[in-house]
Amino acid sequence: MLRNVVGDTAFFDALHLYLETNKFTSAEVPQLRLAFEKVTGRDLNWFFNEWFFNKGYPVLTINHSYEANTHQETVTIDQIQDLKENPVFYMPLQIDIYSNGNKESHSVVMDKTQNKYVFDVASAPDLVVADGKKMMAVCVKTENMSLTEREYQYAHRPLYLDRYEALTALASHLDDAGAKSTMVSALHDRFWMLRRLAIEKLASDSTPEIKNTLIKLTSDSSSNIRAAAITALSSNYKDGSLISVYRKAIHDSSYKVESEALSAIANNNKQEALNDAKQLENTDEQELLLGIAAIYVKYGNDSCNSFFIKIQDKFNGYEQVRYALLYGRFLQNCGDSAVNRGIPVLGYIMKHGDNQYVKYYAKNALQNLLSMYQDREKDLTSQINDLKAKNTGGEQLNDLQKKLDSATDIENKLKSVLGA
């Protein structure tokens, strides 16, 4: 925002002056302000007071209307934040008005709770953008536009934020042909984050047009888009015709894409996904290892436990959290032998994890196992007592008692590790 207020040249000159003046010393915000004021010759107290020292942020409601009789466009910007807790904000803005293929920009100042600006415009504008330079980067904004205006905004505005605002506004109106057409065109946006946004917003659309576009996007230059396209295809289309697409992605240069492809294959053929996962186990890439782990959680069995134990030292930070969560869920579907091997692994992470979040989730995984075994113990005890009351059981009673002894042993181990 400050860069937009003073301009590029002054902004970088002021930063240079600030760094040269204060090098090898400590510095505070007022010294930064003084450097900017010296370069620009302007009083910038208002800016630093608003954005460094005061609290709060503006909450804006923006409307515009055209009066055909007077050929005037009226733009209103209302600051509706709680003025008992927040100040009235001051900010120079640029209002852009598009009409008949031309753009006119008007410099204004927002400095009141109710700001009204009137402009002469020959015909009804195609689009009015109240903050053309996106000066109000920190605010809550409701800018009322029609769907047609949002479509025009996406097609003609150069800034990422404009296109993002347009797409998010159109996303809840995809039953409208124009809104949907704009969202489909965003699948080819020059910025990958907006391509991904369009994929996500069209996630429930299973038309052939979207399907074919998503298939093409599995070869996109961005690995994030390739992964998102595979996820969308897997969610919407259950036929086996896409297996060749997913199988090609198994050999992608991105481990994230490989992981998504593995999951997509599993949605069609779990045994094929298990076989692929087994072939990929020797990687050291965290994202792919966690993708394999997710397959084993969903479709694996006790034989996969060795994989989880083998990879326990491969993770750090947030990936440790994901590992602890996945391993805990995996063990809940395993037999007692696998759980016995897994308890010390999760116990070690609980005590020696990279941070408090890792330790918390490892502890939570152990607590979930403890709760499961406590329920199992109650159920087995009830079954044993019923058999004894009926003077029946024999071999069945012995089998239940062995299961109870094993469950009790594991419960005690879990309590010991948890310090319960």
Protein backbone atom coordinates (compact mmCIF):
# COMPACT_ATOMS: atom_id res chain seq x y z
CA MET A 1 0.00 0.00 0.00
CA LEU A 2 2.81 2.40 0.84
CA ARG A 3 4.49 1.69 -2.49
CA ASN A 4 1.27 2.60 -4.29
CA VAL A 5 0.88 5.77 -2.21
CA VAL A 6 4.36 7.17 -3.01
CA GLY A 7 5.17 5.50 -6.34
CA ASP A 8 7.91 3.03 -7.32
CA THR A 9 10.83 5.43 -7.61
CA ALA A 10 10.23 7.16 -4.30
CA PHE A 11 9.52 3.84 -2.60
CA PHE A 12 12.86 2.27 -3.46
CA ASP A 13 14.80 5.52 -2.96
CA ALA A 14 13.30 5.82 0.52
CA LEU A 15 14.16 2.22 1.39
CA HIS A 16 17.74 2.84 0.22
CA LEU A 17 17.98 5.99 2.36
CA TYR A 18 16.52 4.17 5.38
CA LEU A 19 19.00 1.31 5.09
CA GLU A 20 22.01 3.58 4.54
CA THR A 21 21.06 5.94 7.37
CA ASN A 22 20.43 3.17 9.89
CA LYS A 23 22.95 0.51 8.87
CA PHE A 24 24.70 -1.28 11.75
CA THR A 25 22.20 0.22 14.24
CA SER A 26 18.79 -0.61 15.60
CA ALA A 27 15.86 1.21 14.06
CA GLU A 28 12.15 1.72 14.66
CA VAL A 29 9.11 2.59 12.58
CA PRO A 30 9.42 6.41 12.97
CA GLN A 31 12.83 6.28 11.29
CA LEU A 32 11.30 4.46 8.35
CA ARG A 33 8.62 7.16 8.14
CA LEU A 34 11.22 9.93 8.26
CA ALA A 35 13.12 8.37 5.36
CA PHE A 36 9.99 8.26 3.25
CA GLU A 37 9.06 11.82 4.17
CA LYS A 38 12.53 13.11 3.28
CA VAL A 39 12.43 11.48 -0.15
CA THR A 40 8.81 12.39 -0.98
CA GLY A 41 8.56 15.75 0.81
CA ARG A 42 5.16 14.62 2.08
CA ASP A 43 3.67 14.20 5.54
CA LEU A 44 3.07 10.45 5.92
CA ASN A 45 2.03 10.44 9.57
CA TRP A 46 -1.49 9.52 8.50
CA PHE A 47 -0.31 6.37 6.75
CA PHE A 48 1.93 5.11 9.57
CA ASN A 49 -0.67 5.95 12.19
CA GLU A 50 -3.35 4.00 10.32
CA TRP A 51 -1.33 0.92 9.40
CA PHE A 52 1.42 0.66 12.03
CA PHE A 53 0.20 2.24 15.25
CA ASN A 54 -3.62 2.23 15.23
CA LYS A 55 -5.67 -0.94 15.39
CA GLY A 56 -8.41 -2.24 13.17
CA TYR A 57 -9.09 -2.14 9.45
CA PRO A 58 -11.76 -0.65 7.19
CA VAL A 59 -14.97 -2.53 6.41
CA LEU A 60 -16.25 -1.22 3.10
CA THR A 61 -19.51 -1.39 1.19
CA ILE A 62 -19.16 -0.19 -2.41
CA ASN A 63 -22.02 0.58 -4.78
CA HIS A 64 -22.32 2.36 -8.09
CA SER A 65 -25.20 3.46 -10.32
CA TYR A 66 -25.66 5.21 -13.66
CA GLU A 67 -28.19 7.94 -14.38
CA ALA A 68 -28.96 7.91 -18.10
CA ASN A 69 -30.70 11.30 -18.11
CA THR A 70 -27.70 13.17 -16.71
CA HIS A 71 -25.06 10.78 -18.09
CA GLN A 72 -23.49 10.50 -14.65
CA GLU A 73 -21.99 7.56 -12.79
CA THR A 74 -22.18 7.71 -8.99
CA VAL A 75 -19.82 5.63 -6.86
CA THR A 76 -20.31 5.35 -3.10
CA ILE A 77 -17.83 3.89 -0.62
CA ASP A 78 -19.14 3.53 2.93
CA GLN A 79 -16.90 2.70 5.87
CA ILE A 80 -19.08 0.59 8.18
CA GLN A 81 -16.51 -0.61 10.73
CA ASP A 82 -17.33 -0.05 14.41
CA LEU A 83 -16.09 3.50 14.95
CA LYS A 84 -15.98 2.97 18.71
CA GLU A 85 -13.18 0.49 18.15
CA ASN A 86 -11.67 1.62 14.83
CA PRO A 87 -10.79 4.93 13.18
CA VAL A 88 -12.21 6.36 9.98
CA PHE A 89 -9.55 5.48 7.41
CA TYR A 90 -7.99 7.87 4.91
CA MET A 91 -6.70 6.52 1.59
CA PRO A 92 -6.13 7.89 -1.89
CA LEU A 93 -7.84 5.63 -4.42
CA GLN A 94 -8.13 5.24 -8.17
CA ILE A 95 -11.60 4.61 -9.59
CA ASP A 96 -11.50 2.93 -13.01
CA ILE A 97 -14.51 3.23 -15.32
CA TYR A 98 -14.76 1.07 -18.46
CA SER A 99 -17.14 2.24 -21.20
CA ASN A 100 -17.29 1.32 -24.88
CA GLY A 101 -13.92 -0.41 -24.73
CA ASN A 102 -12.15 2.55 -23.08
CA LYS A 103 -10.94 3.02 -19.52
CA GLU A 104 -10.93 6.28 -17.60
CA SER A 105 -9.12 6.51 -14.27
CA HIS A 106 -10.05 9.06 -11.60
CA SER A 107 -7.98 9.86 -8.52
CA VAL A 108 -10.09 10.35 -5.38
CA VAL A 109 -9.65 10.33 -1.63
CA MET A 110 -11.60 8.16 0.80
CA ASP A 111 -11.66 10.00 4.12
CA LYS A 112 -15.22 9.86 5.50
CA THR A 113 -17.68 7.22 6.65
CA GLN A 114 -19.78 7.99 3.55
CA ASN A 115 -17.87 8.88 0.39
CA LYS A 116 -19.67 9.84 -2.81
CA TYR A 117 -18.06 10.46 -6.18
CA VAL A 118 -19.85 11.54 -9.36
CA PHE A 119 -18.38 11.28 -12.87
CA ASP A 120 -19.60 12.28 -16.31
CA VAL A 121 -19.86 9.17 -18.52
CA ALA A 122 -21.43 9.24 -21.99
CA SER A 123 -23.10 5.83 -21.67
CA ALA A 124 -23.69 3.17 -19.04
CA PRO A 125 -20.30 1.72 -18.05
CA ASP A 126 -19.38 -1.89 -18.68
CA LEU A 127 -17.46 -1.98 -15.40
CA VAL A 128 -16.64 0.28 -12.46
CA VAL A 129 -13.81 -0.68 -10.11
CA ALA A 130 -13.68 1.49 -7.01
CA ASP A 131 -10.12 0.57 -6.08
CA GLY A 132 -8.33 0.22 -9.39
CA LYS A 133 -4.83 -0.03 -7.91
CA LYS A 134 -5.94 -2.34 -5.09
CA MET A 135 -4.76 0.18 -2.50
CA MET A 136 -7.06 -1.30 0.15
CA ALA A 137 -5.15 -4.54 0.51
CA VAL A 138 -6.12 -4.84 4.18
CA CYS A 139 -9.89 -4.58 4.50
CA VAL A 140 -13.18 -6.41 4.39
CA LYS A 141 -14.92 -5.35 1.20
CA THR A 142 -18.35 -5.87 -0.29
CA GLU A 143 -18.33 -4.48 -3.83
CA ASN A 144 -21.74 -4.93 -5.39
CA MET A 145 -21.51 -5.86 -9.08
CA SER A 146 -23.75 -7.72 -11.49
CA LEU A 147 -22.67 -11.07 -12.94
CA THR A 148 -22.08 -9.37 -16.28
CA GLU A 149 -19.73 -6.89 -14.61
CA ARG A 150 -17.85 -9.69 -12.88
CA GLU A 151 -17.43 -11.46 -16.21
CA TYR A 152 -16.10 -8.24 -17.74
CA GLN A 153 -13.81 -7.75 -14.74
CA TYR A 154 -12.23 -11.16 -15.25
CA ALA A 155 -11.82 -10.67 -19.00
CA HIS A 156 -10.39 -7.12 -18.95
CA ARG A 157 -8.68 -6.39 -15.65
CA PRO A 158 -4.91 -7.07 -15.60
CA LEU A 159 -4.36 -7.65 -11.89
CA TYR A 160 -4.45 -11.06 -10.22
CA LEU A 161 -6.65 -9.73 -7.40
CA ASP A 162 -9.24 -8.47 -9.87
CA ARG A 163 -9.47 -11.81 -11.60
CA TYR A 164 -9.56 -13.61 -8.24
CA GLU A 165 -12.39 -11.38 -6.98
CA ALA A 166 -14.33 -11.96 -10.19
CA LEU A 167 -14.00 -15.75 -10.03
CA THR A 168 -14.91 -16.03 -6.35
CA ALA A 169 -17.99 -13.86 -6.95
CA LEU A 170 -19.04 -15.96 -9.98
CA ALA A 171 -18.41 -19.30 -8.24
CA SER A 172 -21.82 -19.33 -6.51
CA HIS A 173 -23.65 -18.63 -9.79
CA LEU A 174 -22.39 -21.38 -12.07
CA ASP A 175 -25.96 -22.15 -13.08
CA ASP A 176 -25.69 -18.94 -15.12
CA ALA A 177 -24.26 -19.59 -18.60
CA GLY A 178 -22.02 -16.51 -18.61
CA ALA A 179 -20.64 -17.18 -15.14
CA LYS A 180 -19.87 -20.79 -16.01
CA SER A 181 -18.27 -19.80 -19.31
CA THR A 182 -15.97 -17.39 -17.48
CA MET A 183 -15.02 -20.06 -14.94
CA VAL A 184 -14.26 -22.52 -17.75
CA SER A 185 -12.04 -19.94 -19.46
CA ALA A 186 -10.17 -19.53 -16.15
CA LEU A 187 -8.99 -23.12 -16.52
CA HIS A 188 -6.48 -21.57 -18.94
CA ASP A 189 -5.59 -18.49 -16.86
CA ARG A 190 -1.95 -17.43 -17.09
CA PHE A 191 -1.52 -17.74 -13.31
CA TRP A 192 -1.60 -21.28 -11.93
CA MET A 193 -3.38 -20.32 -8.70
CA LEU A 194 -6.38 -19.10 -10.66
CA ARG A 195 -6.34 -22.22 -12.84
CA ARG A 196 -6.45 -24.27 -9.64
CA LEU A 197 -9.27 -22.09 -8.26
CA ALA A 198 -11.28 -22.75 -11.42
CA ILE A 199 -10.66 -26.50 -11.11
CA GLU A 200 -11.90 -26.44 -7.53
CA LYS A 201 -15.00 -24.39 -8.35
CA LEU A 202 -15.89 -26.70 -11.24
CA ALA A 203 -15.24 -29.81 -9.15
CA SER A 204 -18.83 -31.06 -9.32
CA ASP A 205 -19.14 -30.54 -13.08
CA SER A 206 -18.89 -33.85 -14.97
CA THR A 207 -19.62 -32.68 -18.50
CA PRO A 208 -17.44 -34.01 -21.36
CA GLU A 209 -16.05 -30.52 -22.00
CA ILE A 210 -14.68 -30.23 -18.47
CA LYS A 211 -13.45 -33.80 -18.51
CA ASN A 212 -11.43 -33.27 -21.68
CA THR A 213 -9.98 -30.02 -20.37
CA LEU A 214 -8.96 -31.66 -17.09
CA ILE A 215 -7.24 -34.46 -18.99
CA LYS A 216 -5.23 -31.84 -20.88
CA LEU A 217 -4.40 -30.11 -17.59
CA THR A 218 -2.75 -33.30 -16.30
CA SER A 219 0.10 -32.20 -18.60
CA ASP A 220 0.10 -28.58 -17.36
CA SER A 221 3.41 -26.82 -16.72
CA SER A 222 2.51 -26.47 -13.02
CA SER A 223 2.69 -29.58 -10.84
CA ASN A 224 -0.02 -28.05 -8.62
CA ILE A 225 -2.38 -27.97 -11.59
CA ARG A 226 -1.49 -31.49 -12.71
CA ALA A 227 -2.25 -32.77 -9.21
CA ALA A 228 -5.49 -30.78 -8.92
CA ALA A 229 -6.67 -32.02 -12.33
CA ILE A 230 -6.07 -35.64 -11.34
CA THR A 231 -7.95 -35.12 -8.06
CA ALA A 232 -10.93 -33.59 -9.89
CA LEU A 233 -11.00 -36.35 -12.51
CA SER A 234 -10.86 -39.04 -9.85
CA SER A 235 -13.70 -37.42 -7.89
CA ASN A 236 -16.04 -36.95 -10.84
CA TYR A 237 -15.43 -39.88 -13.15
CA LYS A 238 -15.50 -43.46 -11.91
CA ASP A 239 -15.05 -45.19 -15.26
CA GLY A 240 -11.84 -47.04 -16.02
CA SER A 241 -11.02 -45.03 -19.12
CA LEU A 242 -8.84 -42.65 -17.10
CA ILE A 243 -6.53 -45.33 -15.72
CA SER A 244 -4.05 -44.68 -18.53
CA VAL A 245 -3.98 -40.98 -17.56
CA TYR A 246 -3.32 -41.83 -13.93
CA ARG A 247 -0.74 -44.45 -14.82
CA LYS A 248 1.19 -41.93 -16.90
CA ALA A 249 1.14 -39.55 -13.91
CA ILE A 250 2.65 -42.27 -11.68
CA HIS A 251 5.94 -41.40 -13.39
CA ASP A 252 5.55 -37.62 -13.07
CA SER A 253 8.52 -35.49 -12.03
CA SER A 254 6.44 -34.21 -9.09
CA TYR A 255 5.96 -36.49 -6.10
CA LYS A 256 2.71 -34.68 -5.29
CA VAL A 257 1.35 -35.63 -8.70
CA GLU A 258 2.52 -39.22 -8.26
CA SER A 259 0.74 -39.36 -4.92
CA GLU A 260 -2.52 -38.04 -6.37
CA ALA A 261 -2.27 -40.47 -9.29
CA LEU A 262 -1.80 -43.37 -6.88
CA SER A 263 -4.91 -42.31 -4.97
CA ALA A 264 -6.87 -41.98 -8.23
CA ILE A 265 -5.87 -45.49 -9.30
CA ALA A 266 -7.00 -46.78 -5.92
CA ASN A 267 -10.46 -45.29 -6.45
CA ASN A 268 -10.79 -47.52 -9.53
CA ASN A 269 -8.81 -50.59 -8.58
CA LYS A 270 -7.48 -50.93 -5.04
CA GLN A 271 -5.35 -53.99 -5.76
CA GLU A 272 -3.65 -52.24 -8.67
CA ALA A 273 -2.95 -49.25 -6.40
CA LEU A 274 -1.52 -51.52 -3.71
CA ASN A 275 0.80 -53.10 -6.27
CA ASP A 276 1.92 -49.68 -7.50
CA ALA A 277 2.44 -48.47 -3.94
CA LYS A 278 4.65 -51.46 -3.22
CA GLN A 279 6.81 -50.62 -6.25
CA LEU A 280 7.24 -47.02 -5.08
CA GLU A 281 8.12 -47.73 -1.43
CA ASN A 282 11.87 -47.16 -1.79
CA THR A 283 11.58 -43.41 -2.39
CA ASP A 284 12.83 -40.88 0.18
CA GLU A 285 10.38 -38.18 -0.92
CA GLN A 286 8.06 -37.30 1.95
CA GLU A 287 5.01 -36.40 -0.17
CA LEU A 288 5.08 -39.70 -2.03
CA LEU A 289 5.72 -41.73 1.13
CA LEU A 290 2.70 -40.12 2.75
CA GLY A 291 0.66 -40.86 -0.39
CA ILE A 292 1.64 -44.53 -0.14
CA ALA A 293 0.80 -44.48 3.55
CA ALA A 294 -2.67 -43.10 2.76
CA ILE A 295 -3.25 -46.00 0.34
CA TYR A 296 -2.22 -48.51 3.01
CA VAL A 297 -4.49 -46.86 5.58
CA LYS A 298 -7.45 -47.23 3.24
CA TYR A 299 -6.74 -50.55 1.58
CA GLY A 300 -3.78 -52.22 3.29
CA ASN A 301 -3.48 -54.83 6.01
CA ASP A 302 -1.09 -55.86 8.79
CA SER A 303 1.59 -56.79 6.24
CA CYS A 304 1.98 -53.06 5.46
CA ASN A 305 3.04 -52.30 9.04
CA SER A 306 6.71 -52.82 8.22
CA PHE A 307 6.48 -49.94 5.74
CA PHE A 308 5.25 -47.53 8.43
CA ILE A 309 8.01 -48.61 10.81
CA LYS A 310 10.65 -48.31 8.08
CA ILE A 311 9.72 -44.72 7.21
CA GLN A 312 9.29 -43.34 10.73
CA ASP A 313 12.54 -41.31 10.54
CA LYS A 314 11.84 -39.84 7.09
CA PHE A 315 9.71 -36.90 8.23
CA ASN A 316 10.06 -33.55 9.90
CA GLY A 317 7.80 -30.64 10.79
CA TYR A 318 4.24 -30.82 9.49
CA GLU A 319 4.97 -34.06 7.64
CA GLN A 320 5.59 -35.67 11.04
CA VAL A 321 2.06 -34.67 12.02
CA ARG A 322 0.67 -36.28 8.88
CA TYR A 323 2.70 -39.43 9.51
CA ALA A 324 1.45 -39.71 13.10
CA LEU A 325 -2.16 -39.23 12.00
CA LEU A 326 -1.90 -41.79 9.22
CA TYR A 327 -0.08 -44.38 11.29
CA GLY A 328 -2.56 -44.01 14.13
CA ARG A 329 -5.47 -44.57 11.75
CA PHE A 330 -3.68 -47.53 10.15
CA LEU A 331 -3.11 -49.25 13.49
CA GLN A 332 -6.80 -48.95 14.39
CA ASN A 333 -7.49 -51.45 11.58
CA CYS A 334 -4.67 -53.84 12.50
CA GLY A 335 -4.27 -56.87 14.70
CA ASP A 336 -2.63 -56.87 18.13
CA SER A 337 0.81 -57.85 16.82
CA ALA A 338 1.02 -54.80 14.55
CA VAL A 339 -0.26 -52.52 17.30
CA ASN A 340 2.38 -53.83 19.69
CA ARG A 341 5.07 -52.88 17.16
CA GLY A 342 3.51 -49.48 16.52
CA ILE A 343 3.11 -48.28 20.11
CA PRO A 344 6.81 -47.50 20.71
CA VAL A 345 7.03 -45.70 17.34
CA LEU A 346 4.20 -43.31 18.21
CA GLY A 347 5.46 -43.10 21.80
CA TYR A 348 8.87 -41.91 20.62
CA ILE A 349 7.30 -39.24 18.39
CA MET A 350 5.09 -38.13 21.28
CA LYS A 351 8.19 -37.50 23.40
CA HIS A 352 10.74 -36.41 20.81
CA GLY A 353 8.71 -34.93 17.92
CA ASP A 354 9.92 -31.79 16.15
CA ASN A 355 7.40 -29.50 17.86
CA GLN A 356 4.41 -29.40 20.18
CA TYR A 357 1.94 -30.08 17.37
CA VAL A 358 3.74 -33.25 16.31
CA LYS A 359 3.82 -34.44 19.92
CA TYR A 360 0.14 -33.61 20.36
CA TYR A 361 -0.99 -35.61 17.33
CA ALA A 362 1.18 -38.59 18.22
CA LYS A 363 -0.31 -38.55 21.71
CA ASN A 364 -3.78 -38.22 20.23
CA ALA A 365 -3.15 -41.28 18.02
CA LEU A 366 -2.14 -43.30 21.10
CA GLN A 367 -5.16 -42.07 23.04
CA ASN A 368 -7.45 -43.15 20.22
CA LEU A 369 -5.87 -46.61 20.30
CA LEU A 370 -6.29 -46.73 24.08
CA SER A 371 -9.97 -45.81 23.77
CA MET A 372 -10.43 -48.51 21.13
CA TYR A 373 -8.83 -51.18 23.32
CA GLN A 374 -10.77 -50.12 26.39
CA ASP A 375 -14.00 -50.56 24.39
CA ARG A 376 -12.74 -53.89 23.11
CA GLU A 377 -11.93 -55.04 26.65
CA LYS A 378 -15.44 -54.16 27.85
CA ASP A 379 -17.01 -55.99 24.93
CA LEU A 380 -14.89 -59.13 25.41
CA THR A 381 -15.53 -59.15 29.16
CA SER A 382 -19.26 -58.91 28.52
CA GLN A 383 -19.15 -61.82 26.06
CA ILE A 384 -17.13 -63.96 28.50
CA ASN A 385 -19.53 -63.24 31.36
CA ASP A 386 -22.52 -64.16 29.19
CA LEU A 387 -20.95 -67.52 28.31
CA LYS A 388 -20.07 -68.23 31.93
CA ALA A 389 -23.59 -67.39 33.05
CA LYS A 390 -24.94 -69.93 30.58
CA ASN A 391 -22.32 -72.52 31.58
CA THR A 392 -21.30 -72.74 27.93
CA GLY A 393 -18.26 -71.75 26.03
CA GLY A 394 -15.52 -74.32 26.02
CA GLU A 395 -13.18 -73.55 23.12
CA GLN A 396 -15.04 -70.32 22.37
CA LEU A 397 -14.54 -69.17 25.96
CA ASN A 398 -10.81 -69.92 25.80
CA ASP A 399 -10.51 -68.00 22.53
CA LEU A 400 -12.29 -64.96 23.99
CA GLN A 401 -10.09 -65.09 27.09
CA LYS A 402 -6.93 -65.05 24.96
CA LYS A 403 -8.24 -62.03 23.07
CA LEU A 404 -9.07 -60.31 26.34
CA ASP A 405 -5.61 -61.01 27.78
CA SER A 406 -4.00 -59.60 24.65
CA ALA A 407 -6.25 -56.53 24.67
CA THR A 408 -5.54 -55.94 28.37
CA ASP A 409 -1.80 -56.24 27.77
CA ILE A 410 -1.90 -53.68 24.96
CA GLU A 411 -4.12 -51.39 27.03
CA ASN A 412 -1.56 -51.45 29.84
CA LYS A 413 1.28 -50.71 27.40
CA LEU A 414 -0.63 -47.74 26.02
CA LYS A 415 -1.30 -46.41 29.52
CA SER A 416 2.36 -46.79 30.37
CA VAL A 417 3.52 -44.88 27.30
CA LEU A 418 0.91 -42.17 27.85
CA GLY A 419 1.72 -41.95 31.54
CA ALA A 420 -1.94 -42.59 32.32
